[in-house]
Amino acid sequence: MKLFTYLLAITSLLISCKRGDQTSDAFGNFTATEMVISAETSGKILAKFNQEGDVVEKGNVVFVIDTIQSYLKKKELKAREQGIRANRMNIQAQIEVLEERRKALEVDISRFARMLEEGAASRKQVDDLENNLRVLEKQISQVKSNFVALDAEEKAITASLLQIEDMLRRSLVTSPVNGTLLETYAELGETVAPGKPLFKIADLSSLELKAYFSSDQLTQVKLSDTVEVLTDDGKGGLLTYSGRITWIASDAEFTPKIIQTREERVNLVYAVKIRVVNDGTLKINMPGEVRLLP
């Protein structure tokens, strides 16, 4: 009985190997582009909206980091901004008053100049009025120069506000892609620093099978070719998918230990990536096989 069981196992293994040799030209594992998103600001985590396995859309907020200090700084800058506007209005009012005085002086100078011609006024009176006008024009220029300082301060405040707004945006940690949360590395209430990893995400709507071909097979492989991809269905059978070749390595490498090839463990192979639309069955690191189409 034991001998029969042993022979049956050997026979099944041989059949399996034969089937693999007949149907599969290369073997590999499925991969996805995984992204680790880290904190860009420091503070306590105030909200965590998703857990591992959740599907999130691009732009969805996953974590919220404490923003109170940035918010208070923004209020301070806004108050300073209002103060600058008030100072600007005050300076403008001063200039308007001085401009009215200048107009009055110009009228007086014209009137006294005519009187001087008629002998009804002295040269000194005209000179005094012209001196007063020159002094007043210098005062107007001096008051206007205050705008330069206000403009410089306003630009500094605007830059600081942009910086604060950027920090506030960075405090809302969003997903950069549509994908599935593979892992989360922080919890609600935890204090994080810039650079602290928060979550790992990947788009699992399609995966890439990284398979390995021998140099003899490489002549049969071209970019954008359609191939047949197979993987176990968990019931002893195979699931079949259509795949498209998206990348072919330019250099050979030694055969990875976990990978089989059509030949008996050839020394050097070429990596090839095959994009496969995922129906939800395919998982990262799941083994797969490739069959080249005629």
C-alpha atoms as a PDB file:
ATOM      1  CA  MET A   1       0.000   0.000   0.000  1.00  0.00           C
ATOM      2  CA  LYS A   2       2.780   2.405   0.936  1.00  0.00           C
ATOM      3  CA  LEU A   3       4.609   1.498  -2.278  1.00  0.00           C
ATOM      4  CA  PHE A   4       1.442   2.216  -4.316  1.00  0.00           C
ATOM      5  CA  THR A   5       1.012   5.607  -2.646  1.00  0.00           C
ATOM      6  CA  TYR A   6       4.658   6.456  -3.313  1.00  0.00           C
ATOM      7  CA  LEU A   7       4.384   5.455  -6.983  1.00  0.00           C
ATOM      8  CA  LEU A   8       1.167   7.497  -7.334  1.00  0.00           C
ATOM      9  CA  ALA A   9       2.879  10.562  -5.895  1.00  0.00           C
ATOM     10  CA  ILE A  10       5.840  10.162  -8.233  1.00  0.00           C
ATOM     11  CA  THR A  11       3.487   9.704 -11.211  1.00  0.00           C
ATOM     12  CA  SER A  12       1.510  12.836 -10.286  1.00  0.00           C
ATOM     13  CA  LEU A  13       4.707  14.849  -9.950  1.00  0.00           C
ATOM     14  CA  LEU A  14       5.959  13.697 -13.345  1.00  0.00           C
ATOM     15  CA  ILE A  15       2.613  14.533 -14.963  1.00  0.00           C
ATOM     16  CA  SER A  16       2.647  17.922 -13.325  1.00  0.00           C
ATOM     17  CA  CYS A  17       6.187  18.637 -14.523  1.00  0.00           C
ATOM     18  CA  LYS A  18       5.291  17.472 -18.001  1.00  0.00           C
ATOM     19  CA  ARG A  19       2.221  19.702 -18.061  1.00  0.00           C
ATOM     20  CA  GLY A  20       4.387  22.608 -16.935  1.00  0.00           C
ATOM     21  CA  ASP A  21       6.944  21.938 -19.671  1.00  0.00           C
ATOM     22  CA  GLN A  22       4.199  21.791 -22.281  1.00  0.00           C
ATOM     23  CA  THR A  23       2.237  24.852 -21.263  1.00  0.00           C
ATOM     24  CA  SER A  24       4.688  27.199 -19.591  1.00  0.00           C
ATOM     25  CA  ASP A  25       7.572  29.060 -21.147  1.00  0.00           C
ATOM     26  CA  ALA A  26       8.529  31.057 -18.049  1.00  0.00           C
ATOM     27  CA  PHE A  27       7.773  31.390 -14.360  1.00  0.00           C
ATOM     28  CA  GLY A  28       7.715  34.299 -11.973  1.00  0.00           C
ATOM     29  CA  ASN A  29       5.823  36.188  -9.300  1.00  0.00           C
ATOM     30  CA  PHE A  30       3.295  39.017  -9.435  1.00  0.00           C
ATOM     31  CA  THR A  31       4.399  42.440  -8.287  1.00  0.00           C
ATOM     32  CA  ALA A  32       2.873  45.891  -7.935  1.00  0.00           C
ATOM     33  CA  THR A  33       4.293  49.386  -7.622  1.00  0.00           C
ATOM     34  CA  GLU A  34       4.187  49.949  -3.875  1.00  0.00           C
ATOM     35  CA  MET A  35       4.437  53.468  -2.467  1.00  0.00           C
ATOM     36  CA  VAL A  36       5.300  54.313   1.142  1.00  0.00           C
ATOM     37  CA  ILE A  37       3.813  57.661   2.160  1.00  0.00           C
ATOM     38  CA  SER A  38       5.551  59.470   5.040  1.00  0.00           C
ATOM     39  CA  ALA A  39       4.673  62.427   7.261  1.00  0.00           C
ATOM     40  CA  GLU A  40       5.903  65.809   6.045  1.00  0.00           C
ATOM     41  CA  THR A  41       5.092  67.716   9.236  1.00  0.00           C
ATOM     42  CA  SER A  42       5.453  66.957  12.938  1.00  0.00           C
ATOM     43  CA  GLY A  43       2.617  66.610  15.411  1.00  0.00           C
ATOM     44  CA  LYS A  44       0.015  64.295  16.878  1.00  0.00           C
ATOM     45  CA  ILE A  45      -2.214  62.220  14.606  1.00  0.00           C
ATOM     46  CA  LEU A  46      -5.723  63.604  15.081  1.00  0.00           C
ATOM     47  CA  ALA A  47      -7.539  61.386  12.594  1.00  0.00           C
ATOM     48  CA  LYS A  48      -7.025  58.113  10.753  1.00  0.00           C
ATOM     49  CA  PHE A  49      -9.725  57.434   8.191  1.00  0.00           C
ATOM     50  CA  ASN A  50      -8.681  54.117   6.679  1.00  0.00           C
ATOM     51  CA  GLN A  51      -7.374  50.723   7.675  1.00  0.00           C
ATOM     52  CA  GLU A  52      -5.328  48.091   5.890  1.00  0.00           C
ATOM     53  CA  GLY A  53      -7.202  46.581   2.976  1.00  0.00           C
ATOM     54  CA  ASP A  54      -9.301  49.696   2.312  1.00  0.00           C
ATOM     55  CA  VAL A  55      -9.528  50.932  -1.255  1.00  0.00           C
ATOM     56  CA  VAL A  56      -8.939  54.677  -1.447  1.00  0.00           C
ATOM     57  CA  GLU A  57      -9.086  57.152  -4.287  1.00  0.00           C
ATOM     58  CA  LYS A  58      -6.375  59.593  -5.286  1.00  0.00           C
ATOM     59  CA  GLY A  59      -6.573  62.699  -3.080  1.00  0.00           C
ATOM     60  CA  ASN A  60      -8.496  61.013  -0.252  1.00  0.00           C
ATOM     61  CA  VAL A  61      -7.270  62.081   3.205  1.00  0.00           C
ATOM     62  CA  VAL A  62      -5.914  59.070   5.097  1.00  0.00           C
ATOM     63  CA  PHE A  63      -4.278  60.801   8.104  1.00  0.00           C
ATOM     64  CA  VAL A  64      -4.676  64.232   9.720  1.00  0.00           C
ATOM     65  CA  ILE A  65      -1.704  65.558  11.702  1.00  0.00           C
ATOM     66  CA  ASP A  66      -2.193  68.262  14.372  1.00  0.00           C
ATOM     67  CA  THR A  67      -2.403  71.703  12.734  1.00  0.00           C
ATOM     68  CA  ILE A  68      -3.085  73.951  15.753  1.00  0.00           C
ATOM     69  CA  GLN A  69       0.318  75.682  15.771  1.00  0.00           C
ATOM     70  CA  SER A  70       0.154  76.374  12.052  1.00  0.00           C
ATOM     71  CA  TYR A  71      -3.419  77.628  12.431  1.00  0.00           C
ATOM     72  CA  LEU A  72      -2.454  80.037  15.227  1.00  0.00           C
ATOM     73  CA  LYS A  73       0.536  81.284  13.221  1.00  0.00           C
ATOM     74  CA  LYS A  74      -1.778  81.884  10.271  1.00  0.00           C
ATOM     75  CA  LYS A  75      -4.127  83.965  12.450  1.00  0.00           C
ATOM     76  CA  GLU A  76      -1.163  86.036  13.665  1.00  0.00           C
ATOM     77  CA  LEU A  77      -0.012  86.687  10.106  1.00  0.00           C
ATOM     78  CA  LYS A  78      -3.526  87.621   9.018  1.00  0.00           C
ATOM     79  CA  ALA A  79      -3.696  90.149  11.866  1.00  0.00           C
ATOM     80  CA  ARG A  80      -0.378  91.656  10.778  1.00  0.00           C
ATOM     81  CA  GLU A  81      -1.698  91.790   7.240  1.00  0.00           C
ATOM     82  CA  GLN A  82      -4.722  93.778   8.423  1.00  0.00           C
ATOM     83  CA  GLY A  83      -2.379  96.113  10.330  1.00  0.00           C
ATOM     84  CA  ILE A  84      -0.434  96.789   7.147  1.00  0.00           C
ATOM     85  CA  ARG A  85      -3.631  97.631   5.289  1.00  0.00           C
ATOM     86  CA  ALA A  86      -4.602 100.063   8.084  1.00  0.00           C
ATOM     87  CA  ASN A  87      -1.129 101.683   7.976  1.00  0.00           C
ATOM     88  CA  ARG A  88      -1.368 101.971   4.209  1.00  0.00           C
ATOM     89  CA  MET A  89      -4.712 103.783   4.492  1.00  0.00           C
ATOM     90  CA  ASN A  90      -3.284 106.091   7.174  1.00  0.00           C
ATOM     91  CA  ILE A  91      -0.263 106.954   5.020  1.00  0.00           C
ATOM     92  CA  GLN A  92      -2.511 107.606   2.039  1.00  0.00           C
ATOM     93  CA  ALA A  93      -4.629 109.965   4.161  1.00  0.00           C
ATOM     94  CA  GLN A  94      -1.499 111.859   5.244  1.00  0.00           C
ATOM     95  CA  ILE A  95      -0.397 112.189   1.631  1.00  0.00           C
ATOM     96  CA  GLU A  96      -3.795 113.529   0.609  1.00  0.00           C
ATOM     97  CA  VAL A  97      -3.625 116.196   3.339  1.00  0.00           C
ATOM     98  CA  LEU A  98      -0.115 117.202   2.263  1.00  0.00           C
ATOM     99  CA  GLU A  99      -1.186 117.278  -1.398  1.00  0.00           C
ATOM    100  CA  GLU A 100      -3.986 119.698  -0.515  1.00  0.00           C
ATOM    101  CA  ARG A 101      -1.470 121.918   1.283  1.00  0.00           C
ATOM    102  CA  ARG A 102       0.806 121.799  -1.762  1.00  0.00           C
ATOM    103  CA  LYS A 103      -2.032 122.866  -4.053  1.00  0.00           C
ATOM    104  CA  ALA A 104      -2.799 125.780  -1.730  1.00  0.00           C
ATOM    105  CA  LEU A 105       0.865 126.813  -1.683  1.00  0.00           C
ATOM    106  CA  GLU A 106       1.067 126.668  -5.471  1.00  0.00           C
ATOM    107  CA  VAL A 107      -1.968 128.938  -5.679  1.00  0.00           C
ATOM    108  CA  ASP A 108      -0.382 131.349  -3.180  1.00  0.00           C
ATOM    109  CA  ILE A 109       2.916 131.341  -5.107  1.00  0.00           C
ATOM    110  CA  SER A 110       1.103 132.188  -8.350  1.00  0.00           C
ATOM    111  CA  ARG A 111      -0.877 134.941  -6.652  1.00  0.00           C
ATOM    112  CA  PHE A 112       2.153 136.476  -4.930  1.00  0.00           C
ATOM    113  CA  ALA A 113       4.182 136.269  -8.165  1.00  0.00           C
ATOM    114  CA  ARG A 114       1.561 138.447  -9.881  1.00  0.00           C
ATOM    115  CA  MET A 115       1.542 140.789  -6.884  1.00  0.00           C
ATOM    116  CA  LEU A 116       5.363 140.971  -7.103  1.00  0.00           C
ATOM    117  CA  GLU A 117       5.080 142.068 -10.726  1.00  0.00           C
ATOM    118  CA  GLU A 118       2.583 144.750  -9.664  1.00  0.00           C
ATOM    119  CA  GLY A 119       4.782 145.817  -6.751  1.00  0.00           C
ATOM    120  CA  ALA A 120       2.232 144.722  -4.157  1.00  0.00           C
ATOM    121  CA  ALA A 121       4.439 141.977  -2.679  1.00  0.00           C
ATOM    122  CA  SER A 122       8.092 141.519  -1.870  1.00  0.00           C
ATOM    123  CA  ARG A 123      10.542 139.028  -3.363  1.00  0.00           C
ATOM    124  CA  LYS A 124      11.071 137.549   0.128  1.00  0.00           C
ATOM    125  CA  GLN A 125       7.407 136.651   0.419  1.00  0.00           C
ATOM    126  CA  VAL A 126       7.557 134.746  -2.849  1.00  0.00           C
ATOM    127  CA  ASP A 127      10.844 133.044  -1.861  1.00  0.00           C
ATOM    128  CA  ASP A 128       9.405 131.992   1.508  1.00  0.00           C
ATOM    129  CA  LEU A 129       6.390 130.434  -0.186  1.00  0.00           C
ATOM    130  CA  GLU A 130       8.614 128.577  -2.683  1.00  0.00           C
ATOM    131  CA  ASN A 131      10.817 127.300   0.199  1.00  0.00           C
ATOM    132  CA  ASN A 132       7.701 126.107   2.017  1.00  0.00           C
ATOM    133  CA  LEU A 133       6.639 124.270  -1.160  1.00  0.00           C
ATOM    134  CA  ARG A 134      10.033 122.526  -1.437  1.00  0.00           C
ATOM    135  CA  VAL A 135       9.862 121.450   2.212  1.00  0.00           C
ATOM    136  CA  LEU A 136       6.323 120.186   1.715  1.00  0.00           C
ATOM    137  CA  GLU A 137       7.333 118.158  -1.362  1.00  0.00           C
ATOM    138  CA  LYS A 138      10.126 116.545   0.653  1.00  0.00           C
ATOM    139  CA  GLN A 139       7.598 115.679   3.360  1.00  0.00           C
ATOM    140  CA  ILE A 140       5.321 114.096   0.744  1.00  0.00           C
ATOM    141  CA  SER A 141       8.244 112.041  -0.614  1.00  0.00           C
ATOM    142  CA  GLN A 142       9.203 110.969   2.904  1.00  0.00           C
ATOM    143  CA  VAL A 143       5.667 109.858   3.722  1.00  0.00           C
ATOM    144  CA  LYS A 144       5.411 107.988   0.387  1.00  0.00           C
ATOM    145  CA  SER A 145       8.668 106.171   1.196  1.00  0.00           C
ATOM    146  CA  ASN A 146       6.790 104.448   4.035  1.00  0.00           C
ATOM    147  CA  PHE A 147       4.977 102.478   1.340  1.00  0.00           C
ATOM    148  CA  VAL A 148       8.280 100.788   0.441  1.00  0.00           C
ATOM    149  CA  ALA A 149       8.701  99.437   3.967  1.00  0.00           C
ATOM    150  CA  LEU A 150       5.057  98.346   4.038  1.00  0.00           C
ATOM    151  CA  ASP A 151       5.436  96.611   0.673  1.00  0.00           C
ATOM    152  CA  ALA A 152       8.501  94.700   1.915  1.00  0.00           C
ATOM    153  CA  GLU A 153       6.704  93.654   5.111  1.00  0.00           C
ATOM    154  CA  GLU A 154       3.621  92.637   3.150  1.00  0.00           C
ATOM    155  CA  LYS A 155       5.710  90.465   0.823  1.00  0.00           C
ATOM    156  CA  ALA A 156       7.340  88.778   3.825  1.00  0.00           C
ATOM    157  CA  ILE A 157       3.923  88.108   5.373  1.00  0.00           C
ATOM    158  CA  THR A 158       2.587  86.760   2.064  1.00  0.00           C
ATOM    159  CA  ALA A 159       5.549  84.371   1.819  1.00  0.00           C
ATOM    160  CA  SER A 160       5.000  83.248   5.417  1.00  0.00           C
ATOM    161  CA  LEU A 161       1.297  82.696   4.737  1.00  0.00           C
ATOM    162  CA  LEU A 162       2.116  80.577   1.695  1.00  0.00           C
ATOM    163  CA  GLN A 163       4.500  78.547   3.852  1.00  0.00           C
ATOM    164  CA  ILE A 164       1.834  78.070   6.528  1.00  0.00           C
ATOM    165  CA  GLU A 165      -0.770  77.107   3.920  1.00  0.00           C
ATOM    166  CA  ASP A 166       1.676  74.552   2.544  1.00  0.00           C
ATOM    167  CA  MET A 167       2.241  73.111   6.019  1.00  0.00           C
ATOM    168  CA  LEU A 168      -1.522  72.937   6.587  1.00  0.00           C
ATOM    169  CA  ARG A 169      -1.936  71.059   3.313  1.00  0.00           C
ATOM    170  CA  ARG A 170       0.886  68.693   4.237  1.00  0.00           C
ATOM    171  CA  SER A 171      -0.828  68.022   7.563  1.00  0.00           C
ATOM    172  CA  LEU A 172      -3.616  66.386   5.559  1.00  0.00           C
ATOM    173  CA  VAL A 173      -1.876  63.216   4.378  1.00  0.00           C
ATOM    174  CA  THR A 174      -3.577  62.090   1.175  1.00  0.00           C
ATOM    175  CA  SER A 175      -3.280  59.131  -1.138  1.00  0.00           C
ATOM    176  CA  PRO A 176      -1.253  59.961  -4.267  1.00  0.00           C
ATOM    177  CA  VAL A 177      -2.960  57.234  -6.320  1.00  0.00           C
ATOM    178  CA  ASN A 178      -6.071  55.115  -6.543  1.00  0.00           C
ATOM    179  CA  GLY A 179      -5.144  51.967  -4.692  1.00  0.00           C
ATOM    180  CA  THR A 180      -5.371  49.603  -1.773  1.00  0.00           C
ATOM    181  CA  LEU A 181      -3.791  50.244   1.622  1.00  0.00           C
ATOM    182  CA  LEU A 182      -1.335  47.413   2.134  1.00  0.00           C
ATOM    183  CA  GLU A 183       0.015  48.491   5.531  1.00  0.00           C
ATOM    184  CA  THR A 184      -0.360  51.340   8.012  1.00  0.00           C
ATOM    185  CA  TYR A 185       2.471  52.304  10.352  1.00  0.00           C
ATOM    186  CA  ALA A 186       0.895  54.828  12.753  1.00  0.00           C
ATOM    187  CA  GLU A 187      -2.126  55.018  15.010  1.00  0.00           C
ATOM    188  CA  LEU A 188      -4.514  57.691  16.270  1.00  0.00           C
ATOM    189  CA  GLY A 189      -2.914  59.837  18.972  1.00  0.00           C
ATOM    190  CA  GLU A 190       0.648  58.913  18.032  1.00  0.00           C
ATOM    191  CA  THR A 191       3.124  61.784  17.633  1.00  0.00           C
ATOM    192  CA  VAL A 192       5.046  61.658  14.377  1.00  0.00           C
ATOM    193  CA  ALA A 193       7.996  63.545  12.916  1.00  0.00           C
ATOM    194  CA  PRO A 194       8.740  64.442   9.289  1.00  0.00           C
ATOM    195  CA  GLY A 195       9.863  61.343   7.428  1.00  0.00           C
ATOM    196  CA  LYS A 196       7.902  58.923   9.617  1.00  0.00           C
ATOM    197  CA  PRO A 197       6.250  56.296   7.323  1.00  0.00           C
ATOM    198  CA  LEU A 198       2.457  56.356   7.670  1.00  0.00           C
ATOM    199  CA  PHE A 199       1.116  53.890   5.126  1.00  0.00           C
ATOM    200  CA  LYS A 200       1.944  51.750   2.106  1.00  0.00           C
ATOM    201  CA  ILE A 201      -0.346  51.757  -0.914  1.00  0.00           C
ATOM    202  CA  ALA A 202      -0.436  50.068  -4.292  1.00  0.00           C
ATOM    203  CA  ASP A 203      -2.754  50.076  -7.277  1.00  0.00           C
ATOM    204  CA  LEU A 204      -3.931  46.461  -7.513  1.00  0.00           C
ATOM    205  CA  SER A 205      -6.270  46.975 -10.471  1.00  0.00           C
ATOM    206  CA  SER A 206      -3.486  45.505 -12.564  1.00  0.00           C
ATOM    207  CA  LEU A 207      -0.337  43.657 -11.551  1.00  0.00           C
ATOM    208  CA  GLU A 208       2.919  42.832 -13.291  1.00  0.00           C
ATOM    209  CA  LEU A 209       4.217  39.308 -13.522  1.00  0.00           C
ATOM    210  CA  LYS A 210       7.999  39.405 -13.403  1.00  0.00           C
ATOM    211  CA  ALA A 211       8.986  36.249 -15.239  1.00  0.00           C
ATOM    212  CA  TYR A 212      12.345  34.941 -16.421  1.00  0.00           C
ATOM    213  CA  PHE A 213      13.204  33.728 -19.925  1.00  0.00           C
ATOM    214  CA  SER A 214      16.336  32.028 -21.146  1.00  0.00           C
ATOM    215  CA  SER A 215      18.436  33.662 -23.862  1.00  0.00           C
ATOM    216  CA  ASP A 216      17.112  31.118 -26.388  1.00  0.00           C
ATOM    217  CA  GLN A 217      13.537  32.213 -25.674  1.00  0.00           C
ATOM    218  CA  LEU A 218      14.354  35.928 -25.796  1.00  0.00           C
ATOM    219  CA  THR A 219      14.065  36.049 -29.586  1.00  0.00           C
ATOM    220  CA  GLN A 220      10.384  35.110 -29.213  1.00  0.00           C
ATOM    221  CA  VAL A 221       9.646  37.956 -26.822  1.00  0.00           C
ATOM    222  CA  LYS A 222       8.882  41.541 -27.912  1.00  0.00           C
ATOM    223  CA  LEU A 223       7.503  44.604 -26.172  1.00  0.00           C
ATOM    224  CA  SER A 224       3.696  44.925 -26.335  1.00  0.00           C
ATOM    225  CA  ASP A 225       3.323  41.261 -27.265  1.00  0.00           C
ATOM    226  CA  THR A 226       0.262  39.545 -25.852  1.00  0.00           C
ATOM    227  CA  VAL A 227       0.948  36.391 -23.846  1.00  0.00           C
ATOM    228  CA  GLU A 228      -1.060  33.952 -21.783  1.00  0.00           C
ATOM    229  CA  VAL A 229      -0.581  34.113 -18.029  1.00  0.00           C
ATOM    230  CA  LEU A 230      -1.579  31.232 -15.775  1.00  0.00           C
ATOM    231  CA  THR A 231      -1.869  30.881 -12.027  1.00  0.00           C
ATOM    232  CA  ASP A 232      -3.292  28.284  -9.659  1.00  0.00           C
ATOM    233  CA  ASP A 233      -6.993  28.585  -8.894  1.00  0.00           C
ATOM    234  CA  GLY A 234      -6.548  26.908  -5.501  1.00  0.00           C
ATOM    235  CA  LYS A 235      -8.533  23.868  -6.593  1.00  0.00           C
ATOM    236  CA  GLY A 236      -5.867  22.051  -8.553  1.00  0.00           C
ATOM    237  CA  GLY A 237      -6.587  23.857 -11.792  1.00  0.00           C
ATOM    238  CA  LEU A 238      -5.292  26.963 -13.513  1.00  0.00           C
ATOM    239  CA  LEU A 239      -6.723  30.404 -14.101  1.00  0.00           C
ATOM    240  CA  THR A 240      -5.845  31.994 -17.432  1.00  0.00           C
ATOM    241  CA  TYR A 241      -5.343  35.705 -18.082  1.00  0.00           C
ATOM    242  CA  SER A 242      -4.265  37.797 -21.026  1.00  0.00           C
ATOM    243  CA  GLY A 243      -1.069  39.741 -20.408  1.00  0.00           C
ATOM    244  CA  ARG A 244       0.980  42.355 -22.275  1.00  0.00           C
ATOM    245  CA  ILE A 245       4.771  42.564 -22.165  1.00  0.00           C
ATOM    246  CA  THR A 246       5.765  46.005 -20.862  1.00  0.00           C
ATOM    247  CA  TRP A 247       9.484  45.624 -20.113  1.00  0.00           C
ATOM    248  CA  ILE A 248      12.403  43.384 -21.079  1.00  0.00           C
ATOM    249  CA  ALA A 249      15.697  43.458 -19.194  1.00  0.00           C
ATOM    250  CA  SER A 250      18.720  44.463 -21.241  1.00  0.00           C
ATOM    251  CA  ASP A 251      21.115  42.406 -19.101  1.00  0.00           C
ATOM    252  CA  ALA A 252      21.043  38.784 -18.090  1.00  0.00           C
ATOM    253  CA  GLU A 253      21.128  37.644 -14.467  1.00  0.00           C
ATOM    254  CA  PHE A 254      21.583  34.388 -12.637  1.00  0.00           C
ATOM    255  CA  THR A 255      18.361  32.445 -12.276  1.00  0.00           C
ATOM    256  CA  PRO A 256      16.634  33.304  -8.961  1.00  0.00           C
ATOM    257  CA  LYS A 257      16.470  30.227  -6.748  1.00  0.00           C
ATOM    258  CA  ILE A 258      12.678  30.307  -6.430  1.00  0.00           C
ATOM    259  CA  ILE A 259      12.113  30.514 -10.186  1.00  0.00           C
ATOM    260  CA  GLN A 260      11.813  27.584 -12.587  1.00  0.00           C
ATOM    261  CA  THR A 261      12.489  27.843 -16.297  1.00  0.00           C
ATOM    262  CA  ARG A 262      11.563  25.811 -19.298  1.00  0.00           C
ATOM    263  CA  GLU A 263      15.102  24.481 -19.455  1.00  0.00           C
ATOM    264  CA  GLU A 264      16.714  22.693 -16.543  1.00  0.00           C
ATOM    265  CA  ARG A 265      17.866  25.599 -14.414  1.00  0.00           C
ATOM    266  CA  VAL A 266      19.788  27.537 -17.034  1.00  0.00           C
ATOM    267  CA  ASN A 267      22.423  29.733 -15.489  1.00  0.00           C
ATOM    268  CA  LEU A 268      21.478  33.070 -17.009  1.00  0.00           C
ATOM    269  CA  VAL A 269      17.993  34.426 -17.689  1.00  0.00           C
ATOM    270  CA  TYR A 270      16.354  37.713 -18.696  1.00  0.00           C
ATOM    271  CA  ALA A 271      13.638  39.323 -16.587  1.00  0.00           C
ATOM    272  CA  VAL A 272      10.441  40.288 -18.394  1.00  0.00           C
ATOM    273  CA  LYS A 273       7.482  42.212 -16.940  1.00  0.00           C
ATOM    274  CA  ILE A 274       3.974  41.355 -18.095  1.00  0.00           C
ATOM    275  CA  ARG A 275       1.015  43.592 -17.219  1.00  0.00           C
ATOM    276  CA  VAL A 276      -2.158  41.696 -16.267  1.00  0.00           C
ATOM    277  CA  VAL A 277      -5.561  43.176 -15.430  1.00  0.00           C
ATOM    278  CA  ASN A 278      -6.509  41.981 -11.949  1.00  0.00           C
ATOM    279  CA  ASP A 279     -10.004  40.647 -11.343  1.00  0.00           C
ATOM    280  CA  GLY A 280      -9.316  40.570  -7.605  1.00  0.00           C
ATOM    281  CA  THR A 281      -7.860  37.075  -7.619  1.00  0.00           C
ATOM    282  CA  LEU A 282      -4.240  38.008  -8.220  1.00  0.00           C
ATOM    283  CA  LYS A 283      -2.124  38.943  -5.189  1.00  0.00           C
ATOM    284  CA  ILE A 284       1.341  40.415  -4.762  1.00  0.00           C
ATOM    285  CA  ASN A 285       4.043  37.687  -4.725  1.00  0.00           C
ATOM    286  CA  MET A 286       1.622  35.068  -6.063  1.00  0.00           C
ATOM    287  CA  PRO A 287       3.461  32.722  -8.484  1.00  0.00           C
ATOM    288  CA  GLY A 288       2.504  32.754 -12.124  1.00  0.00           C
ATOM    289  CA  GLU A 289       3.418  31.095 -15.414  1.00  0.00           C
ATOM    290  CA  VAL A 290       3.729  32.456 -18.937  1.00  0.00           C
ATOM    291  CA  ARG A 291       2.866  30.825 -22.216  1.00  0.00           C
ATOM    292  CA  LEU A 292       3.959  32.505 -25.413  1.00  0.00           C
ATOM    293  CA  LEU A 293       1.279  32.639 -28.073  1.00  0.00           C
ATOM    294  CA  PRO A 294       2.036  31.334 -31.568  1.00  0.00           C
END
